[in-house]
Structure formats: structure tokens, C-alpha cells
Amino acid sequence: MNVKFNIDEIFEMAEQIERNGQNFYRSAEKIMRANSESQKLMSLLADMEIKHEKVFADMRKDILKLNKMESILNPEFDPDGLASMYLHSIVDGKVFDLTKMPVIENKTPEGILKMAIEREKDSIIFYLGIKELISKDFGQDKVDLIIKEEMGHIVYLSDEIKKITGE
């Protein structure tokens, strides 16, 4: 079963993920005023999300300039359409809702950091799907770089949890 999707919509979703990430980190930054090191990390991560959003926005603009959707998609990947169906599940909010900013329920530094790690993991999964669906010529390397930076965010967040908990 092959599901059609709009690559412009996928990049729009990626931009929204980054905006949500920035908003999350800015909210967390305010909550973590008592811990200056954690607060600085939240600010740094928010700034990185802004850069990621710009990368996806630029890729999206390039799509519009090309006006050749078939040159963007990677024809060898996903012959059964499973990645496309997964991305549609995301669009439909079945995996995680990109349109809603998560409520920070556990407002302890450790709780916020754990929630941030989960959001970074969700982003990585989504970006892995994007990376495999677009051609190498169009910008797989840019998406790969963002994936690596998101993985780095998880390392920063995990290290910060260790500092807070003394592990």
C-alpha cells in the first residue's frame, strides 16, 4: 500500500517540531531559574532549535524553487510506502501531535530534562524518516547533520541529569 504525501508539508512539519522545541526550551529556561547551569543549557538548546528550523525552512524554499517534487524524493527507498504511512500517522497526530506544545507537568529540573530527552527522541525518529525519503542530491546530509545535533542534545540533557542527581 503506497500512501502519497506532500514533501512541502513534511518540511513544514519539521519546522513546527523545531518551533515547538524552541518554545519548550524557553519555557523550561524560565522554570529553571534556580539552576543557572541548567538554565544556560535550555537557552543553548532553544537557540539550536532556531538554527534547525532555518535549515528546514531553507530546504522548503528550495523545493518551491525547483518545482520538481520527483527530483527530491528518493525512489529507491520505501517501495512499500511504510515510511510514508508512518509520516502520515505523524501528520494525523497518531504518533505525536506536532501542533500542540507539551505541558511541562513535572517542573523539577530532572523531570524537565527527561521530558526534553523524549521530545528529542521523537524528533530524531521523524527526521530519520525524512532523511530516507529525500534524495541525496537534495539535502540528506543536512537532515543527517540535524539528527546528529539532536543526538548531541540527548547527551547534553543526560549529562545534566547526572549532575543534578549526582549519578
C-alpha atoms as a PDB file:
ATOM      1  CA  MET A   1       0.000   0.000   0.000  1.00  0.00           C
ATOM      2  CA  ASN A   2       1.613   3.233  -1.136  1.00  0.00           C
ATOM      3  CA  VAL A   3       0.485   6.446   0.523  1.00  0.00           C
ATOM      4  CA  LYS A   4       1.108   9.747  -1.256  1.00  0.00           C
ATOM      5  CA  PHE A   5       2.292  12.727   0.736  1.00  0.00           C
ATOM      6  CA  ASN A   6       3.388  16.264   0.077  1.00  0.00           C
ATOM      7  CA  ILE A   7       7.098  16.834   0.782  1.00  0.00           C
ATOM      8  CA  ASP A   8       6.426  20.535   1.375  1.00  0.00           C
ATOM      9  CA  GLU A   9       4.054  19.509   4.159  1.00  0.00           C
ATOM     10  CA  ILE A  10       6.728  17.256   5.653  1.00  0.00           C
ATOM     11  CA  PHE A  11       9.233  20.108   5.818  1.00  0.00           C
ATOM     12  CA  GLU A  12       6.540  22.343   7.284  1.00  0.00           C
ATOM     13  CA  MET A  13       6.083  19.717   9.998  1.00  0.00           C
ATOM     14  CA  ALA A  14       9.836  19.650  10.620  1.00  0.00           C
ATOM     15  CA  GLU A  15       9.798  23.431  11.055  1.00  0.00           C
ATOM     16  CA  GLN A  16       6.918  23.068  13.527  1.00  0.00           C
ATOM     17  CA  ILE A  17       8.837  20.449  15.517  1.00  0.00           C
ATOM     18  CA  GLU A  18      11.716  22.898  15.836  1.00  0.00           C
ATOM     19  CA  ARG A  19       9.401  25.769  16.861  1.00  0.00           C
ATOM     20  CA  ASN A  20       7.806  23.518  19.468  1.00  0.00           C
ATOM     21  CA  GLY A  21      11.274  22.559  20.692  1.00  0.00           C
ATOM     22  CA  GLN A  22      12.301  26.182  20.956  1.00  0.00           C
ATOM     23  CA  ASN A  23       9.117  27.029  22.884  1.00  0.00           C
ATOM     24  CA  PHE A  24       9.642  24.052  25.175  1.00  0.00           C
ATOM     25  CA  TYR A  25      13.226  25.056  25.963  1.00  0.00           C
ATOM     26  CA  ARG A  26      12.268  28.707  26.527  1.00  0.00           C
ATOM     27  CA  SER A  27       9.535  27.602  28.965  1.00  0.00           C
ATOM     28  CA  ALA A  28      11.971  25.249  30.699  1.00  0.00           C
ATOM     29  CA  GLU A  29      14.550  28.035  30.876  1.00  0.00           C
ATOM     30  CA  LYS A  30      12.108  30.176  32.881  1.00  0.00           C
ATOM     31  CA  ILE A  31      11.258  27.317  35.228  1.00  0.00           C
ATOM     32  CA  MET A  32      14.937  26.507  35.864  1.00  0.00           C
ATOM     33  CA  ARG A  33      15.944  29.932  37.144  1.00  0.00           C
ATOM     34  CA  ALA A  34      17.255  28.400  40.370  1.00  0.00           C
ATOM     35  CA  ASN A  35      19.788  26.268  38.499  1.00  0.00           C
ATOM     36  CA  SER A  36      21.883  28.575  36.320  1.00  0.00           C
ATOM     37  CA  GLU A  37      23.736  25.749  34.556  1.00  0.00           C
ATOM     38  CA  SER A  38      20.503  24.021  33.529  1.00  0.00           C
ATOM     39  CA  GLN A  39      19.035  27.371  32.548  1.00  0.00           C
ATOM     40  CA  LYS A  40      22.013  28.079  30.252  1.00  0.00           C
ATOM     41  CA  LEU A  41      21.637  24.639  28.662  1.00  0.00           C
ATOM     42  CA  MET A  42      17.947  25.289  27.957  1.00  0.00           C
ATOM     43  CA  SER A  43      18.851  28.625  26.325  1.00  0.00           C
ATOM     44  CA  LEU A  44      21.560  26.983  24.204  1.00  0.00           C
ATOM     45  CA  LEU A  45      19.201  24.229  23.058  1.00  0.00           C
ATOM     46  CA  ALA A  46      16.468  26.763  22.200  1.00  0.00           C
ATOM     47  CA  ASP A  47      18.971  28.659  20.053  1.00  0.00           C
ATOM     48  CA  MET A  48      19.976  25.439  18.291  1.00  0.00           C
ATOM     49  CA  GLU A  49      16.322  24.685  17.522  1.00  0.00           C
ATOM     50  CA  ILE A  50      16.069  28.099  15.831  1.00  0.00           C
ATOM     51  CA  LYS A  51      19.008  27.148  13.575  1.00  0.00           C
ATOM     52  CA  HIS A  52      17.402  23.803  12.740  1.00  0.00           C
ATOM     53  CA  GLU A  53      14.120  25.500  11.850  1.00  0.00           C
ATOM     54  CA  LYS A  54      16.005  27.764   9.443  1.00  0.00           C
ATOM     55  CA  VAL A  55      17.668  24.770   7.745  1.00  0.00           C
ATOM     56  CA  PHE A  56      14.274  23.161   7.129  1.00  0.00           C
ATOM     57  CA  ALA A  57      12.750  26.485   6.023  1.00  0.00           C
ATOM     58  CA  ASP A  58      15.589  26.937   3.525  1.00  0.00           C
ATOM     59  CA  MET A  59      15.137  23.384   2.228  1.00  0.00           C
ATOM     60  CA  ARG A  60      11.426  24.069   1.845  1.00  0.00           C
ATOM     61  CA  LYS A  61      12.138  27.255  -0.138  1.00  0.00           C
ATOM     62  CA  ASP A  62      14.471  25.257  -2.366  1.00  0.00           C
ATOM     63  CA  ILE A  63      11.625  22.814  -3.047  1.00  0.00           C
ATOM     64  CA  LEU A  64       9.398  25.639  -4.214  1.00  0.00           C
ATOM     65  CA  LYS A  65      12.162  26.988  -6.467  1.00  0.00           C
ATOM     66  CA  LEU A  66      12.740  23.586  -8.044  1.00  0.00           C
ATOM     67  CA  ASN A  67       9.046  22.921  -8.557  1.00  0.00           C
ATOM     68  CA  LYS A  68      10.079  19.324  -9.311  1.00  0.00           C
ATOM     69  CA  MET A  69       8.892  17.130  -6.487  1.00  0.00           C
ATOM     70  CA  GLU A  70      10.028  13.939  -8.198  1.00  0.00           C
ATOM     71  CA  SER A  71      13.677  15.064  -8.091  1.00  0.00           C
ATOM     72  CA  ILE A  72      13.503  15.473  -4.319  1.00  0.00           C
ATOM     73  CA  LEU A  73      12.120  12.073  -3.404  1.00  0.00           C
ATOM     74  CA  ASN A  74      14.381   9.058  -3.124  1.00  0.00           C
ATOM     75  CA  PRO A  75      12.797   6.467  -5.457  1.00  0.00           C
ATOM     76  CA  GLU A  76      14.846   3.521  -4.145  1.00  0.00           C
ATOM     77  CA  PHE A  77      13.721   3.848  -0.552  1.00  0.00           C
ATOM     78  CA  ASP A  78      10.460   2.575   0.832  1.00  0.00           C
ATOM     79  CA  PRO A  79       8.959   0.688  -2.126  1.00  0.00           C
ATOM     80  CA  ASP A  80       6.081  -0.484   0.099  1.00  0.00           C
ATOM     81  CA  GLY A  81       5.342   3.020   1.360  1.00  0.00           C
ATOM     82  CA  LEU A  82       5.862   2.212   5.060  1.00  0.00           C
ATOM     83  CA  ALA A  83       7.846   5.382   5.811  1.00  0.00           C
ATOM     84  CA  SER A  84       5.226   7.440   4.021  1.00  0.00           C
ATOM     85  CA  MET A  85       2.473   5.811   6.083  1.00  0.00           C
ATOM     86  CA  TYR A  86       4.451   6.494   9.262  1.00  0.00           C
ATOM     87  CA  LEU A  87       4.865  10.159   8.347  1.00  0.00           C
ATOM     88  CA  HIS A  88       1.144  10.353   7.610  1.00  0.00           C
ATOM     89  CA  SER A  89       0.491   8.915  11.073  1.00  0.00           C
ATOM     90  CA  ILE A  90       2.531  11.775  12.471  1.00  0.00           C
ATOM     91  CA  VAL A  91       0.592  14.292  10.390  1.00  0.00           C
ATOM     92  CA  ASP A  92      -2.623  12.816  11.732  1.00  0.00           C
ATOM     93  CA  GLY A  93      -1.345  13.096  15.313  1.00  0.00           C
ATOM     94  CA  LYS A  94      -1.292   9.336  15.866  1.00  0.00           C
ATOM     95  CA  VAL A  95       2.382   9.204  16.860  1.00  0.00           C
ATOM     96  CA  PHE A  96       2.814  12.615  18.467  1.00  0.00           C
ATOM     97  CA  ASP A  97       0.952  15.855  17.984  1.00  0.00           C
ATOM     98  CA  LEU A  98       3.141  18.445  16.311  1.00  0.00           C
ATOM     99  CA  THR A  99       0.583  21.189  16.712  1.00  0.00           C
ATOM    100  CA  LYS A 100       0.465  21.127  20.500  1.00  0.00           C
ATOM    101  CA  MET A 101       3.104  22.380  22.854  1.00  0.00           C
ATOM    102  CA  PRO A 102       3.526  19.786  25.599  1.00  0.00           C
ATOM    103  CA  VAL A 103       2.620  20.822  29.093  1.00  0.00           C
ATOM    104  CA  ILE A 104       5.562  20.609  31.432  1.00  0.00           C
ATOM    105  CA  GLU A 105       3.946  18.531  34.168  1.00  0.00           C
ATOM    106  CA  ASN A 106       6.948  17.635  36.292  1.00  0.00           C
ATOM    107  CA  LYS A 107       8.531  21.030  36.881  1.00  0.00           C
ATOM    108  CA  THR A 108      11.562  19.669  38.673  1.00  0.00           C
ATOM    109  CA  PRO A 109      14.826  20.101  36.768  1.00  0.00           C
ATOM    110  CA  GLU A 110      15.143  16.328  36.405  1.00  0.00           C
ATOM    111  CA  GLY A 111      11.544  15.987  35.157  1.00  0.00           C
ATOM    112  CA  ILE A 112      12.007  18.751  32.603  1.00  0.00           C
ATOM    113  CA  LEU A 113      15.252  17.235  31.350  1.00  0.00           C
ATOM    114  CA  LYS A 114      13.665  13.791  30.980  1.00  0.00           C
ATOM    115  CA  MET A 115      10.761  15.278  29.041  1.00  0.00           C
ATOM    116  CA  ALA A 116      13.234  17.122  26.810  1.00  0.00           C
ATOM    117  CA  ILE A 117      15.017  13.837  26.075  1.00  0.00           C
ATOM    118  CA  GLU A 118      11.725  12.243  24.990  1.00  0.00           C
ATOM    119  CA  ARG A 119      10.979  15.176  22.667  1.00  0.00           C
ATOM    120  CA  GLU A 120      14.454  14.930  21.152  1.00  0.00           C
ATOM    121  CA  LYS A 121      13.932  11.196  20.546  1.00  0.00           C
ATOM    122  CA  ASP A 122      10.607  11.890  18.806  1.00  0.00           C
ATOM    123  CA  SER A 123      12.325  14.467  16.613  1.00  0.00           C
ATOM    124  CA  ILE A 124      15.117  12.057  15.681  1.00  0.00           C
ATOM    125  CA  ILE A 125      12.630   9.374  14.657  1.00  0.00           C
ATOM    126  CA  PHE A 126      10.773  11.848  12.466  1.00  0.00           C
ATOM    127  CA  TYR A 127      13.963  13.174  10.877  1.00  0.00           C
ATOM    128  CA  LEU A 128      15.199   9.650  10.121  1.00  0.00           C
ATOM    129  CA  GLY A 129      12.010   9.194   8.105  1.00  0.00           C
ATOM    130  CA  ILE A 130      12.555  12.462   6.263  1.00  0.00           C
ATOM    131  CA  LYS A 131      16.203  11.663   5.550  1.00  0.00           C
ATOM    132  CA  GLU A 132      15.368   8.372   3.880  1.00  0.00           C
ATOM    133  CA  LEU A 133      12.586   9.845   1.776  1.00  0.00           C
ATOM    134  CA  ILE A 134      14.558  12.618   0.107  1.00  0.00           C
ATOM    135  CA  SER A 135      17.282  12.211  -2.467  1.00  0.00           C
ATOM    136  CA  LYS A 136      20.943  12.619  -1.577  1.00  0.00           C
ATOM    137  CA  ASP A 137      21.250  15.486  -4.025  1.00  0.00           C
ATOM    138  CA  PHE A 138      18.530  17.462  -2.316  1.00  0.00           C
ATOM    139  CA  GLY A 139      19.877  17.505   1.224  1.00  0.00           C
ATOM    140  CA  GLN A 140      20.041  14.211   3.059  1.00  0.00           C
ATOM    141  CA  ASP A 141      23.334  15.425   4.521  1.00  0.00           C
ATOM    142  CA  LYS A 142      21.639  18.492   6.062  1.00  0.00           C
ATOM    143  CA  VAL A 143      18.992  16.334   7.706  1.00  0.00           C
ATOM    144  CA  ASP A 144      21.705  13.929   8.875  1.00  0.00           C
ATOM    145  CA  LEU A 145      23.569  16.821  10.498  1.00  0.00           C
ATOM    146  CA  ILE A 146      20.418  17.865  12.358  1.00  0.00           C
ATOM    147  CA  ILE A 147      19.882  14.265  13.510  1.00  0.00           C
ATOM    148  CA  LYS A 148      23.424  14.211  14.905  1.00  0.00           C
ATOM    149  CA  GLU A 149      22.853  17.533  16.669  1.00  0.00           C
ATOM    150  CA  GLU A 150      19.596  16.223  18.162  1.00  0.00           C
ATOM    151  CA  MET A 151      21.519  13.163  19.394  1.00  0.00           C
ATOM    152  CA  GLY A 152      24.027  15.564  20.922  1.00  0.00           C
ATOM    153  CA  HIS A 153      21.153  17.309  22.683  1.00  0.00           C
ATOM    154  CA  ILE A 154      20.262  13.993  24.315  1.00  0.00           C
ATOM    155  CA  VAL A 155      23.853  13.641  25.529  1.00  0.00           C
ATOM    156  CA  TYR A 156      23.820  17.204  26.965  1.00  0.00           C
ATOM    157  CA  LEU A 157      20.478  16.572  28.658  1.00  0.00           C
ATOM    158  CA  SER A 158      21.594  13.195  30.056  1.00  0.00           C
ATOM    159  CA  ASP A 159      24.803  14.724  31.406  1.00  0.00           C
ATOM    160  CA  GLU A 160      22.780  17.474  33.062  1.00  0.00           C
ATOM    161  CA  ILE A 161      20.526  14.872  34.723  1.00  0.00           C
ATOM    162  CA  LYS A 162      23.643  13.136  36.085  1.00  0.00           C
ATOM    163  CA  LYS A 163      24.894  16.432  37.530  1.00  0.00           C
ATOM    164  CA  ILE A 164      21.553  17.146  39.178  1.00  0.00           C
ATOM    165  CA  THR A 165      21.054  13.650  40.591  1.00  0.00           C
ATOM    166  CA  GLY A 166      24.703  13.072  41.463  1.00  0.00           C
ATOM    167  CA  GLU A 167      24.879   9.812  39.495  1.00  0.00           C
END
